[in-house]
Amino acid sequence: MPALWIAHVTVTDDEAYGKYAELAGPAIAKHGGVFIARAARYVQLEGKERPRNVVARFPSVEAAVECYNSPEYQKALDHARGASERELMVVEITE
């Protein structure tokens, strides 16, 4: 079953987070991820507001988790740590 990678982010260091974004995109694509929403317009209805919201579709939960744990994504993530406050989850799509 396909899955969604959903990230809610507050960027605290634009320069460092820019490097993360530069490296994360190719790592996500390498694992079959396709962005379907990235820093687009949103309406916060409940919970903690994060001004940057990203959704990527993966072939499976396993592919998304494999991406997260990959050396390429972890290298990107090194730039996001300390440069952002984030929540990230993977949710299986029930079609």
PDB file of N, CA and C in Angstrom:
ATOM      1  N   MET A   1       0.841  -1.186   0.000  1.00  0.00           N
ATOM      2  CA  MET A   1       0.000   0.000   0.000  1.00  0.00           C
ATOM      3  C   MET A   1       0.887   1.250   0.000  1.00  0.00           C
ATOM      4  N   PRO A   2       0.504   2.268  -0.766  1.00  0.00           N
ATOM      5  CA  PRO A   2       1.276   3.517  -0.744  1.00  0.00           C
ATOM      6  C   PRO A   2       1.175   4.208   0.616  1.00  0.00           C
ATOM      7  N   ALA A   3       2.081   5.147   0.832  1.00  0.00           N
ATOM      8  CA  ALA A   3       2.132   5.844   2.113  1.00  0.00           C
ATOM      9  C   ALA A   3       2.455   7.315   1.890  1.00  0.00           C
ATOM     10  N   LEU A   4       2.065   8.130   2.852  1.00  0.00           N
ATOM     11  CA  LEU A   4       2.387   9.548   2.838  1.00  0.00           C
ATOM     12  C   LEU A   4       3.408   9.857   3.923  1.00  0.00           C
ATOM     13  N   TRP A   5       4.402  10.613   3.578  1.00  0.00           N
ATOM     14  CA  TRP A   5       5.424  11.151   4.479  1.00  0.00           C
ATOM     15  C   TRP A   5       4.944  12.567   4.755  1.00  0.00           C
ATOM     16  N   ILE A   6       4.627  12.878   5.976  1.00  0.00           N
ATOM     17  CA  ILE A   6       4.052  14.173   6.325  1.00  0.00           C
ATOM     18  C   ILE A   6       4.963  14.863   7.335  1.00  0.00           C
ATOM     19  N   ALA A   7       5.454  16.034   6.966  1.00  0.00           N
ATOM     20  CA  ALA A   7       6.342  16.800   7.840  1.00  0.00           C
ATOM     21  C   ALA A   7       5.736  18.166   8.126  1.00  0.00           C
ATOM     22  N   HIS A   8       5.815  18.568   9.384  1.00  0.00           N
ATOM     23  CA  HIS A   8       5.392  19.898   9.823  1.00  0.00           C
ATOM     24  C   HIS A   8       6.632  20.552  10.406  1.00  0.00           C
ATOM     25  N   VAL A   9       7.004  21.734   9.879  1.00  0.00           N
ATOM     26  CA  VAL A   9       8.316  22.299  10.180  1.00  0.00           C
ATOM     27  C   VAL A   9       8.240  23.797  10.489  1.00  0.00           C
ATOM     28  N   THR A  10       8.994  24.206  11.485  1.00  0.00           N
ATOM     29  CA  THR A  10       9.299  25.615  11.715  1.00  0.00           C
ATOM     30  C   THR A  10      10.803  25.767  11.504  1.00  0.00           C
ATOM     31  N   VAL A  11      11.182  26.528  10.501  1.00  0.00           N
ATOM     32  CA  VAL A  11      12.599  26.737  10.186  1.00  0.00           C
ATOM     33  C   VAL A  11      13.149  27.832  11.096  1.00  0.00           C
ATOM     34  N   THR A  12      14.289  27.553  11.732  1.00  0.00           N
ATOM     35  CA  THR A  12      14.927  28.530  12.622  1.00  0.00           C
ATOM     36  C   THR A  12      16.255  29.044  12.054  1.00  0.00           C
ATOM     37  N   ASP A  13      16.771  28.381  11.022  1.00  0.00           N
ATOM     38  CA  ASP A  13      18.009  28.809  10.356  1.00  0.00           C
ATOM     39  C   ASP A  13      17.832  28.539   8.864  1.00  0.00           C
ATOM     40  N   ASP A  14      17.493  29.591   8.119  1.00  0.00           N
ATOM     41  CA  ASP A  14      17.179  29.441   6.691  1.00  0.00           C
ATOM     42  C   ASP A  14      18.337  28.876   5.876  1.00  0.00           C
ATOM     43  N   GLU A  15      19.535  29.310   6.150  1.00  0.00           N
ATOM     44  CA  GLU A  15      20.691  28.857   5.370  1.00  0.00           C
ATOM     45  C   GLU A  15      20.942  27.359   5.556  1.00  0.00           C
ATOM     46  N   ALA A  16      20.995  26.916   6.797  1.00  0.00           N
ATOM     47  CA  ALA A  16      21.229  25.494   7.065  1.00  0.00           C
ATOM     48  C   ALA A  16      20.068  24.651   6.553  1.00  0.00           C
ATOM     49  N   TYR A  17      18.845  25.125   6.726  1.00  0.00           N
ATOM     50  CA  TYR A  17      17.696  24.348   6.272  1.00  0.00           C
ATOM     51  C   TYR A  17      17.654  24.290   4.744  1.00  0.00           C
ATOM     52  N   GLY A  18      18.139  25.329   4.095  1.00  0.00           N
ATOM     53  CA  GLY A  18      18.229  25.297   2.633  1.00  0.00           C
ATOM     54  C   GLY A  18      19.127  24.175   2.155  1.00  0.00           C
ATOM     55  N   LYS A  19      20.219  23.942   2.864  1.00  0.00           N
ATOM     56  CA  LYS A  19      21.119  22.836   2.514  1.00  0.00           C
ATOM     57  C   LYS A  19      20.410  21.497   2.718  1.00  0.00           C
ATOM     58  N   TYR A  20      19.635  21.384   3.813  1.00  0.00           N
ATOM     59  CA  TYR A  20      18.841  20.178   4.033  1.00  0.00           C
ATOM     60  C   TYR A  20      17.921  19.931   2.833  1.00  0.00           C
ATOM     61  N   ALA A  21      17.166  20.953   2.445  1.00  0.00           N
ATOM     62  CA  ALA A  21      16.196  20.803   1.349  1.00  0.00           C
ATOM     63  C   ALA A  21      16.882  20.404   0.049  1.00  0.00           C
ATOM     64  N   GLU A  22      18.057  20.973  -0.193  1.00  0.00           N
ATOM     65  CA  GLU A  22      18.825  20.656  -1.397  1.00  0.00           C
ATOM     66  C   GLU A  22      19.205  19.179  -1.452  1.00  0.00           C
ATOM     67  N   LEU A  23      19.563  18.612  -0.314  1.00  0.00           N
ATOM     68  CA  LEU A  23      19.991  17.206  -0.256  1.00  0.00           C
ATOM     69  C   LEU A  23      18.823  16.241  -0.063  1.00  0.00           C
ATOM     70  N   ALA A  24      17.782  16.672   0.631  1.00  0.00           N
ATOM     71  CA  ALA A  24      16.665  15.771   0.938  1.00  0.00           C
ATOM     72  C   ALA A  24      15.864  15.401  -0.302  1.00  0.00           C
ATOM     73  N   GLY A  25      15.655  16.358  -1.202  1.00  0.00           N
ATOM     74  CA  GLY A  25      14.858  16.084  -2.403  1.00  0.00           C
ATOM     75  C   GLY A  25      15.363  14.884  -3.198  1.00  0.00           C
ATOM     76  N   PRO A  26      16.645  14.862  -3.571  1.00  0.00           N
ATOM     77  CA  PRO A  26      17.165  13.702  -4.299  1.00  0.00           C
ATOM     78  C   PRO A  26      17.100  12.400  -3.495  1.00  0.00           C
ATOM     79  N   ALA A  27      17.313  12.459  -2.187  1.00  0.00           N
ATOM     80  CA  ALA A  27      17.230  11.249  -1.360  1.00  0.00           C
ATOM     81  C   ALA A  27      15.806  10.704  -1.365  1.00  0.00           C
ATOM     82  N   ILE A  28      14.839  11.580  -1.266  1.00  0.00           N
ATOM     83  CA  ILE A  28      13.433  11.166  -1.287  1.00  0.00           C
ATOM     84  C   ILE A  28      13.083  10.570  -2.647  1.00  0.00           C
ATOM     85  N   ALA A  29      13.497  11.221  -3.720  1.00  0.00           N
ATOM     86  CA  ALA A  29      13.217  10.710  -5.069  1.00  0.00           C
ATOM     87  C   ALA A  29      13.868   9.346  -5.302  1.00  0.00           C
ATOM     88  N   LYS A  30      15.077   9.168  -4.794  1.00  0.00           N
ATOM     89  CA  LYS A  30      15.792   7.896  -4.960  1.00  0.00           C
ATOM     90  C   LYS A  30      15.011   6.718  -4.370  1.00  0.00           C
ATOM     91  N   HIS A  31      14.202   6.980  -3.352  1.00  0.00           N
ATOM     92  CA  HIS A  31      13.425   5.928  -2.699  1.00  0.00           C
ATOM     93  C   HIS A  31      11.968   5.900  -3.161  1.00  0.00           C
ATOM     94  N   GLY A  32      11.693   6.520  -4.288  1.00  0.00           N
ATOM     95  CA  GLY A  32      10.352   6.470  -4.872  1.00  0.00           C
ATOM     96  C   GLY A  32       9.405   7.526  -4.353  1.00  0.00           C
ATOM     97  N   GLY A  33       9.904   8.485  -3.582  1.00  0.00           N
ATOM     98  CA  GLY A  33       9.047   9.535  -3.048  1.00  0.00           C
ATOM     99  C   GLY A  33       8.790  10.626  -4.070  1.00  0.00           C
ATOM    100  N   VAL A  34       7.558  11.116  -4.089  1.00  0.00           N
ATOM    101  CA  VAL A  34       7.149  12.199  -4.978  1.00  0.00           C
ATOM    102  C   VAL A  34       6.445  13.248  -4.132  1.00  0.00           C
ATOM    103  N   PHE A  35       6.913  14.488  -4.209  1.00  0.00           N
ATOM    104  CA  PHE A  35       6.272  15.553  -3.444  1.00  0.00           C
ATOM    105  C   PHE A  35       4.895  15.865  -4.013  1.00  0.00           C
ATOM    106  N   ILE A  36       3.902  15.948  -3.127  1.00  0.00           N
ATOM    107  CA  ILE A  36       2.570  16.356  -3.560  1.00  0.00           C
ATOM    108  C   ILE A  36       2.155  17.673  -2.905  1.00  0.00           C
ATOM    109  N   ALA A  37       2.860  18.100  -1.869  1.00  0.00           N
ATOM    110  CA  ALA A  37       2.671  19.421  -1.265  1.00  0.00           C
ATOM    111  C   ALA A  37       3.979  19.807  -0.594  1.00  0.00           C
ATOM    112  N   ARG A  38       4.412  21.037  -0.842  1.00  0.00           N
ATOM    113  CA  ARG A  38       5.683  21.468  -0.241  1.00  0.00           C
ATOM    114  C   ARG A  38       5.631  22.975  -0.036  1.00  0.00           C
ATOM    115  N   ALA A  39       5.517  23.366   1.246  1.00  0.00           N
ATOM    116  CA  ALA A  39       5.504  24.781   1.629  1.00  0.00           C
ATOM    117  C   ALA A  39       4.399  25.554   0.911  1.00  0.00           C
ATOM    118  N   ALA A  40       3.271  24.912   0.681  1.00  0.00           N
ATOM    119  CA  ALA A  40       2.151  25.537  -0.018  1.00  0.00           C
ATOM    120  C   ALA A  40       1.203  26.202   0.989  1.00  0.00           C
ATOM    121  N   ARG A  41       0.235  26.861   0.467  1.00  0.00           N
ATOM    122  CA  ARG A  41      -0.796  27.509   1.284  1.00  0.00           C
ATOM    123  C   ARG A  41      -1.493  26.457   2.149  1.00  0.00           C
ATOM    124  N   TYR A  42      -1.809  26.815   3.378  1.00  0.00           N
ATOM    125  CA  TYR A  42      -2.473  25.892   4.289  1.00  0.00           C
ATOM    126  C   TYR A  42      -3.362  26.672   5.249  1.00  0.00           C
ATOM    127  N   VAL A  43      -4.244  25.959   5.918  1.00  0.00           N
ATOM    128  CA  VAL A  43      -5.095  26.516   6.966  1.00  0.00           C
ATOM    129  C   VAL A  43      -4.931  25.628   8.188  1.00  0.00           C
ATOM    130  N   GLN A  44      -4.457  26.179   9.294  1.00  0.00           N
ATOM    131  CA  GLN A  44      -4.274  25.433  10.539  1.00  0.00           C
ATOM    132  C   GLN A  44      -5.607  25.407  11.279  1.00  0.00           C
ATOM    133  N   LEU A  45      -6.156  24.234  11.465  1.00  0.00           N
ATOM    134  CA  LEU A  45      -7.441  24.112  12.154  1.00  0.00           C
ATOM    135  C   LEU A  45      -7.296  23.666  13.598  1.00  0.00           C
ATOM    136  N   GLU A  46      -6.293  22.844  13.879  1.00  0.00           N
ATOM    137  CA  GLU A  46      -6.055  22.362  15.245  1.00  0.00           C
ATOM    138  C   GLU A  46      -4.565  22.139  15.434  1.00  0.00           C
ATOM    139  N   GLY A  47      -4.144  22.083  16.687  1.00  0.00           N
ATOM    140  CA  GLY A  47      -2.765  21.721  17.013  1.00  0.00           C
ATOM    141  C   GLY A  47      -1.778  22.842  16.802  1.00  0.00           C
ATOM    142  N   LYS A  48      -0.505  22.488  16.966  1.00  0.00           N
ATOM    143  CA  LYS A  48       0.586  23.459  16.857  1.00  0.00           C
ATOM    144  C   LYS A  48       0.815  23.840  15.404  1.00  0.00           C
ATOM    145  N   GLU A  49       0.827  25.118  15.150  1.00  0.00           N
ATOM    146  CA  GLU A  49       1.044  25.601  13.790  1.00  0.00           C
ATOM    147  C   GLU A  49       2.519  25.527  13.429  1.00  0.00           C
ATOM    148  N   ARG A  50       2.795  24.999  12.265  1.00  0.00           N
ATOM    149  CA  ARG A  50       4.138  24.978  11.691  1.00  0.00           C
ATOM    150  C   ARG A  50       4.008  25.604  10.304  1.00  0.00           C
ATOM    151  N   PRO A  51       4.779  26.642   9.988  1.00  0.00           N
ATOM    152  CA  PRO A  51       4.591  27.358   8.733  1.00  0.00           C
ATOM    153  C   PRO A  51       5.030  26.605   7.475  1.00  0.00           C
ATOM    154  N   ARG A  52       5.798  25.529   7.615  1.00  0.00           N
ATOM    155  CA  ARG A  52       6.213  24.750   6.434  1.00  0.00           C
ATOM    156  C   ARG A  52       5.668  23.337   6.595  1.00  0.00           C
ATOM    157  N   ASN A  53       4.889  22.923   5.617  1.00  0.00           N
ATOM    158  CA  ASN A  53       4.271  21.592   5.650  1.00  0.00           C
ATOM    159  C   ASN A  53       4.595  20.889   4.339  1.00  0.00           C
ATOM    160  N   VAL A  54       5.032  19.638   4.458  1.00  0.00           N
ATOM    161  CA  VAL A  54       5.479  18.876   3.289  1.00  0.00           C
ATOM    162  C   VAL A  54       4.798  17.512   3.305  1.00  0.00           C
ATOM    163  N   VAL A  55       4.299  17.114   2.138  1.00  0.00           N
ATOM    164  CA  VAL A  55       3.719  15.784   1.978  1.00  0.00           C
ATOM    165  C   VAL A  55       4.349  15.149   0.746  1.00  0.00           C
ATOM    166  N   ALA A  56       4.870  13.943   0.917  1.00  0.00           N
ATOM    167  CA  ALA A  56       5.412  13.172  -0.199  1.00  0.00           C
ATOM    168  C   ALA A  56       4.739  11.801  -0.208  1.00  0.00           C
ATOM    169  N   ARG A  57       4.498  11.302  -1.381  1.00  0.00           N
ATOM    170  CA  ARG A  57       3.896   9.972  -1.537  1.00  0.00           C
ATOM    171  C   ARG A  57       5.003   8.972  -1.851  1.00  0.00           C
ATOM    172  N   PHE A  58       4.989   7.852  -1.132  1.00  0.00           N
ATOM    173  CA  PHE A  58       5.947   6.770  -1.340  1.00  0.00           C
ATOM    174  C   PHE A  58       5.195   5.510  -1.741  1.00  0.00           C
ATOM    175  N   PRO A  59       5.885   4.562  -2.361  1.00  0.00           N
ATOM    176  CA  PRO A  59       5.234   3.306  -2.746  1.00  0.00           C
ATOM    177  C   PRO A  59       4.724   2.499  -1.553  1.00  0.00           C
ATOM    178  N   SER A  60       5.349   2.678  -0.380  1.00  0.00           N
ATOM    179  CA  SER A  60       4.955   1.908   0.800  1.00  0.00           C
ATOM    180  C   SER A  60       5.507   2.583   2.056  1.00  0.00           C
ATOM    181  N   VAL A  61       4.985   2.170   3.206  1.00  0.00           N
ATOM    182  CA  VAL A  61       5.544   2.631   4.487  1.00  0.00           C
ATOM    183  C   VAL A  61       7.014   2.234   4.561  1.00  0.00           C
ATOM    184  N   GLU A  62       7.301   1.015   4.146  1.00  0.00           N
ATOM    185  CA  GLU A  62       8.676   0.513   4.217  1.00  0.00           C
ATOM    186  C   GLU A  62       9.631   1.370   3.377  1.00  0.00           C
ATOM    187  N   ALA A  63       9.190   1.776   2.178  1.00  0.00           N
ATOM    188  CA  ALA A  63      10.041   2.616   1.323  1.00  0.00           C
ATOM    189  C   ALA A  63      10.309   3.969   1.980  1.00  0.00           C
ATOM    190  N   ALA A  64       9.295   4.537   2.623  1.00  0.00           N
ATOM    191  CA  ALA A  64       9.463   5.825   3.296  1.00  0.00           C
ATOM    192  C   ALA A  64      10.417   5.712   4.481  1.00  0.00           C
ATOM    193  N   VAL A  65      10.276   4.655   5.261  1.00  0.00           N
ATOM    194  CA  VAL A  65      11.157   4.453   6.422  1.00  0.00           C
ATOM    195  C   VAL A  65      12.582   4.154   5.946  1.00  0.00           C
ATOM    196  N   GLU A  66      12.700   3.376   4.873  1.00  0.00           N
ATOM    197  CA  GLU A  66      14.023   3.098   4.307  1.00  0.00           C
ATOM    198  C   GLU A  66      14.678   4.397   3.852  1.00  0.00           C
ATOM    199  N   CYS A  67      13.914   5.272   3.243  1.00  0.00           N
ATOM    200  CA  CYS A  67      14.432   6.576   2.841  1.00  0.00           C
ATOM    201  C   CYS A  67      14.943   7.339   4.057  1.00  0.00           C
ATOM    202  N   TYR A  68      14.117   7.427   5.092  1.00  0.00           N
ATOM    203  CA  TYR A  68      14.497   8.161   6.302  1.00  0.00           C
ATOM    204  C   TYR A  68      15.816   7.644   6.876  1.00  0.00           C
ATOM    205  N   ASN A  69      15.993   6.345   6.882  1.00  0.00           N
ATOM    206  CA  ASN A  69      17.180   5.728   7.468  1.00  0.00           C
ATOM    207  C   ASN A  69      18.370   5.657   6.523  1.00  0.00           C
ATOM    208  N   SER A  70      18.185   6.072   5.275  1.00  0.00           N
ATOM    209  CA  SER A  70      19.266   5.969   4.287  1.00  0.00           C
ATOM    210  C   SER A  70      20.389   6.951   4.592  1.00  0.00           C
ATOM    211  N   PRO A  71      21.603   6.607   4.193  1.00  0.00           N
ATOM    212  CA  PRO A  71      22.736   7.520   4.401  1.00  0.00           C
ATOM    213  C   PRO A  71      22.515   8.883   3.738  1.00  0.00           C
ATOM    214  N   GLU A  72      21.877   8.886   2.563  1.00  0.00           N
ATOM    215  CA  GLU A  72      21.644  10.143   1.848  1.00  0.00           C
ATOM    216  C   GLU A  72      20.711  11.064   2.633  1.00  0.00           C
ATOM    217  N   TYR A  73      19.625  10.499   3.146  1.00  0.00           N
ATOM    218  CA  TYR A  73      18.684  11.338   3.887  1.00  0.00           C
ATOM    219  C   TYR A  73      19.269  11.751   5.232  1.00  0.00           C
ATOM    220  N   GLN A  74      19.985  10.860   5.888  1.00  0.00           N
ATOM    221  CA  GLN A  74      20.591  11.202   7.169  1.00  0.00           C
ATOM    222  C   GLN A  74      21.622  12.326   7.005  1.00  0.00           C
ATOM    223  N   LYS A  75      22.331  12.332   5.885  1.00  0.00           N
ATOM    224  CA  LYS A  75      23.267  13.429   5.599  1.00  0.00           C
ATOM    225  C   LYS A  75      22.499  14.741   5.469  1.00  0.00           C
ATOM    226  N   ALA A  76      21.363  14.707   4.777  1.00  0.00           N
ATOM    227  CA  ALA A  76      20.521  15.904   4.657  1.00  0.00           C
ATOM    228  C   ALA A  76      20.007  16.324   6.027  1.00  0.00           C
ATOM    229  N   LEU A  77      19.550  15.358   6.788  1.00  0.00           N
ATOM    230  CA  LEU A  77      18.957  15.629   8.100  1.00  0.00           C
ATOM    231  C   LEU A  77      19.951  16.285   9.051  1.00  0.00           C
ATOM    232  N   ASP A  78      21.224  16.018   8.882  1.00  0.00           N
ATOM    233  CA  ASP A  78      22.238  16.680   9.706  1.00  0.00           C
ATOM    234  C   ASP A  78      22.119  18.198   9.619  1.00  0.00           C
ATOM    235  N   HIS A  79      21.682  18.709   8.458  1.00  0.00           N
ATOM    236  CA  HIS A  79      21.537  20.156   8.271  1.00  0.00           C
ATOM    237  C   HIS A  79      20.231  20.679   8.872  1.00  0.00           C
ATOM    238  N   ALA A  80      19.234  19.836   9.007  1.00  0.00           N
ATOM    239  CA  ALA A  80      17.944  20.258   9.570  1.00  0.00           C
ATOM    240  C   ALA A  80      17.977  20.290  11.092  1.00  0.00           C
ATOM    241  N   ARG A  81      18.765  19.405  11.673  1.00  0.00           N
ATOM    242  CA  ARG A  81      18.878  19.383  13.142  1.00  0.00           C
ATOM    243  C   ARG A  81      19.513  20.694  13.603  1.00  0.00           C
ATOM    244  N   GLY A  82      18.886  21.346  14.541  1.00  0.00           N
ATOM    245  CA  GLY A  82      19.395  22.629  15.008  1.00  0.00           C
ATOM    246  C   GLY A  82      18.973  23.798  14.134  1.00  0.00           C
ATOM    247  N   ALA A  83      18.405  23.506  12.959  1.00  0.00           N
ATOM    248  CA  ALA A  83      17.957  24.559  12.044  1.00  0.00           C
ATOM    249  C   ALA A  83      16.443  24.577  11.916  1.00  0.00           C
ATOM    250  N   SER A  84      15.783  23.677  12.676  1.00  0.00           N
ATOM    251  CA  SER A  84      14.327  23.588  12.562  1.00  0.00           C
ATOM    252  C   SER A  84      13.743  22.838  13.747  1.00  0.00           C
ATOM    253  N   GLU A  85      12.463  23.062  13.935  1.00  0.00           N
ATOM    254  CA  GLU A  85      11.650  22.249  14.845  1.00  0.00           C
ATOM    255  C   GLU A  85      10.694  21.503  13.931  1.00  0.00           C
ATOM    256  N   ARG A  86      10.624  20.166  14.065  1.00  0.00           N
ATOM    257  CA  ARG A  86       9.847  19.381  13.102  1.00  0.00           C
ATOM    258  C   ARG A  86       9.158  18.194  13.732  1.00  0.00           C
ATOM    259  N   GLU A  87       8.086  17.827  13.105  1.00  0.00           N
ATOM    260  CA  GLU A  87       7.444  16.548  13.349  1.00  0.00           C
ATOM    261  C   GLU A  87       7.375  15.860  11.987  1.00  0.00           C
ATOM    262  N   LEU A  88       7.608  14.568  11.984  1.00  0.00           N
ATOM    263  CA  LEU A  88       7.573  13.792  10.737  1.00  0.00           C
ATOM    264  C   LEU A  88       6.882  12.464  11.022  1.00  0.00           C
ATOM    265  N   MET A  89       5.965  12.107  10.158  1.00  0.00           N
ATOM    266  CA  MET A  89       5.291  10.808  10.296  1.00  0.00           C
ATOM    267  C   MET A  89       5.093  10.198   8.921  1.00  0.00           C
ATOM    268  N   VAL A  90       4.915   8.901   8.911  1.00  0.00           N
ATOM    269  CA  VAL A  90       4.572   8.165   7.699  1.00  0.00           C
ATOM    270  C   VAL A  90       3.240   7.491   7.960  1.00  0.00           C
ATOM    271  N   VAL A  91       2.299   7.675   7.038  1.00  0.00           N
ATOM    272  CA  VAL A  91       0.955   7.132   7.192  1.00  0.00           C
ATOM    273  C   VAL A  91       0.593   6.329   5.948  1.00  0.00           C
ATOM    274  N   GLU A  92       0.189   5.090   6.157  1.00  0.00           N
ATOM    275  CA  GLU A  92      -0.234   4.261   5.032  1.00  0.00           C
ATOM    276  C   GLU A  92      -1.554   4.774   4.468  1.00  0.00           C
ATOM    277  N   ILE A  93      -1.662   4.782   3.145  1.00  0.00           N
ATOM    278  CA  ILE A  93      -2.898   5.190   2.487  1.00  0.00           C
ATOM    279  C   ILE A  93      -3.795   3.969   2.366  1.00  0.00           C
ATOM    280  N   THR A  94      -5.000   4.078   2.845  1.00  0.00           N
ATOM    281  CA  THR A  94      -5.961   2.977   2.707  1.00  0.00           C
ATOM    282  C   THR A  94      -6.890   3.335   1.557  1.00  0.00           C
ATOM    283  N   GLU A  95      -6.677   2.689   0.430  1.00  0.00           N
ATOM    284  CA  GLU A  95      -7.458   2.991  -0.771  1.00  0.00           C
ATOM    285  C   GLU A  95      -8.537   1.970  -0.982  1.00  0.00           C
TER     286      GLU A  95
END
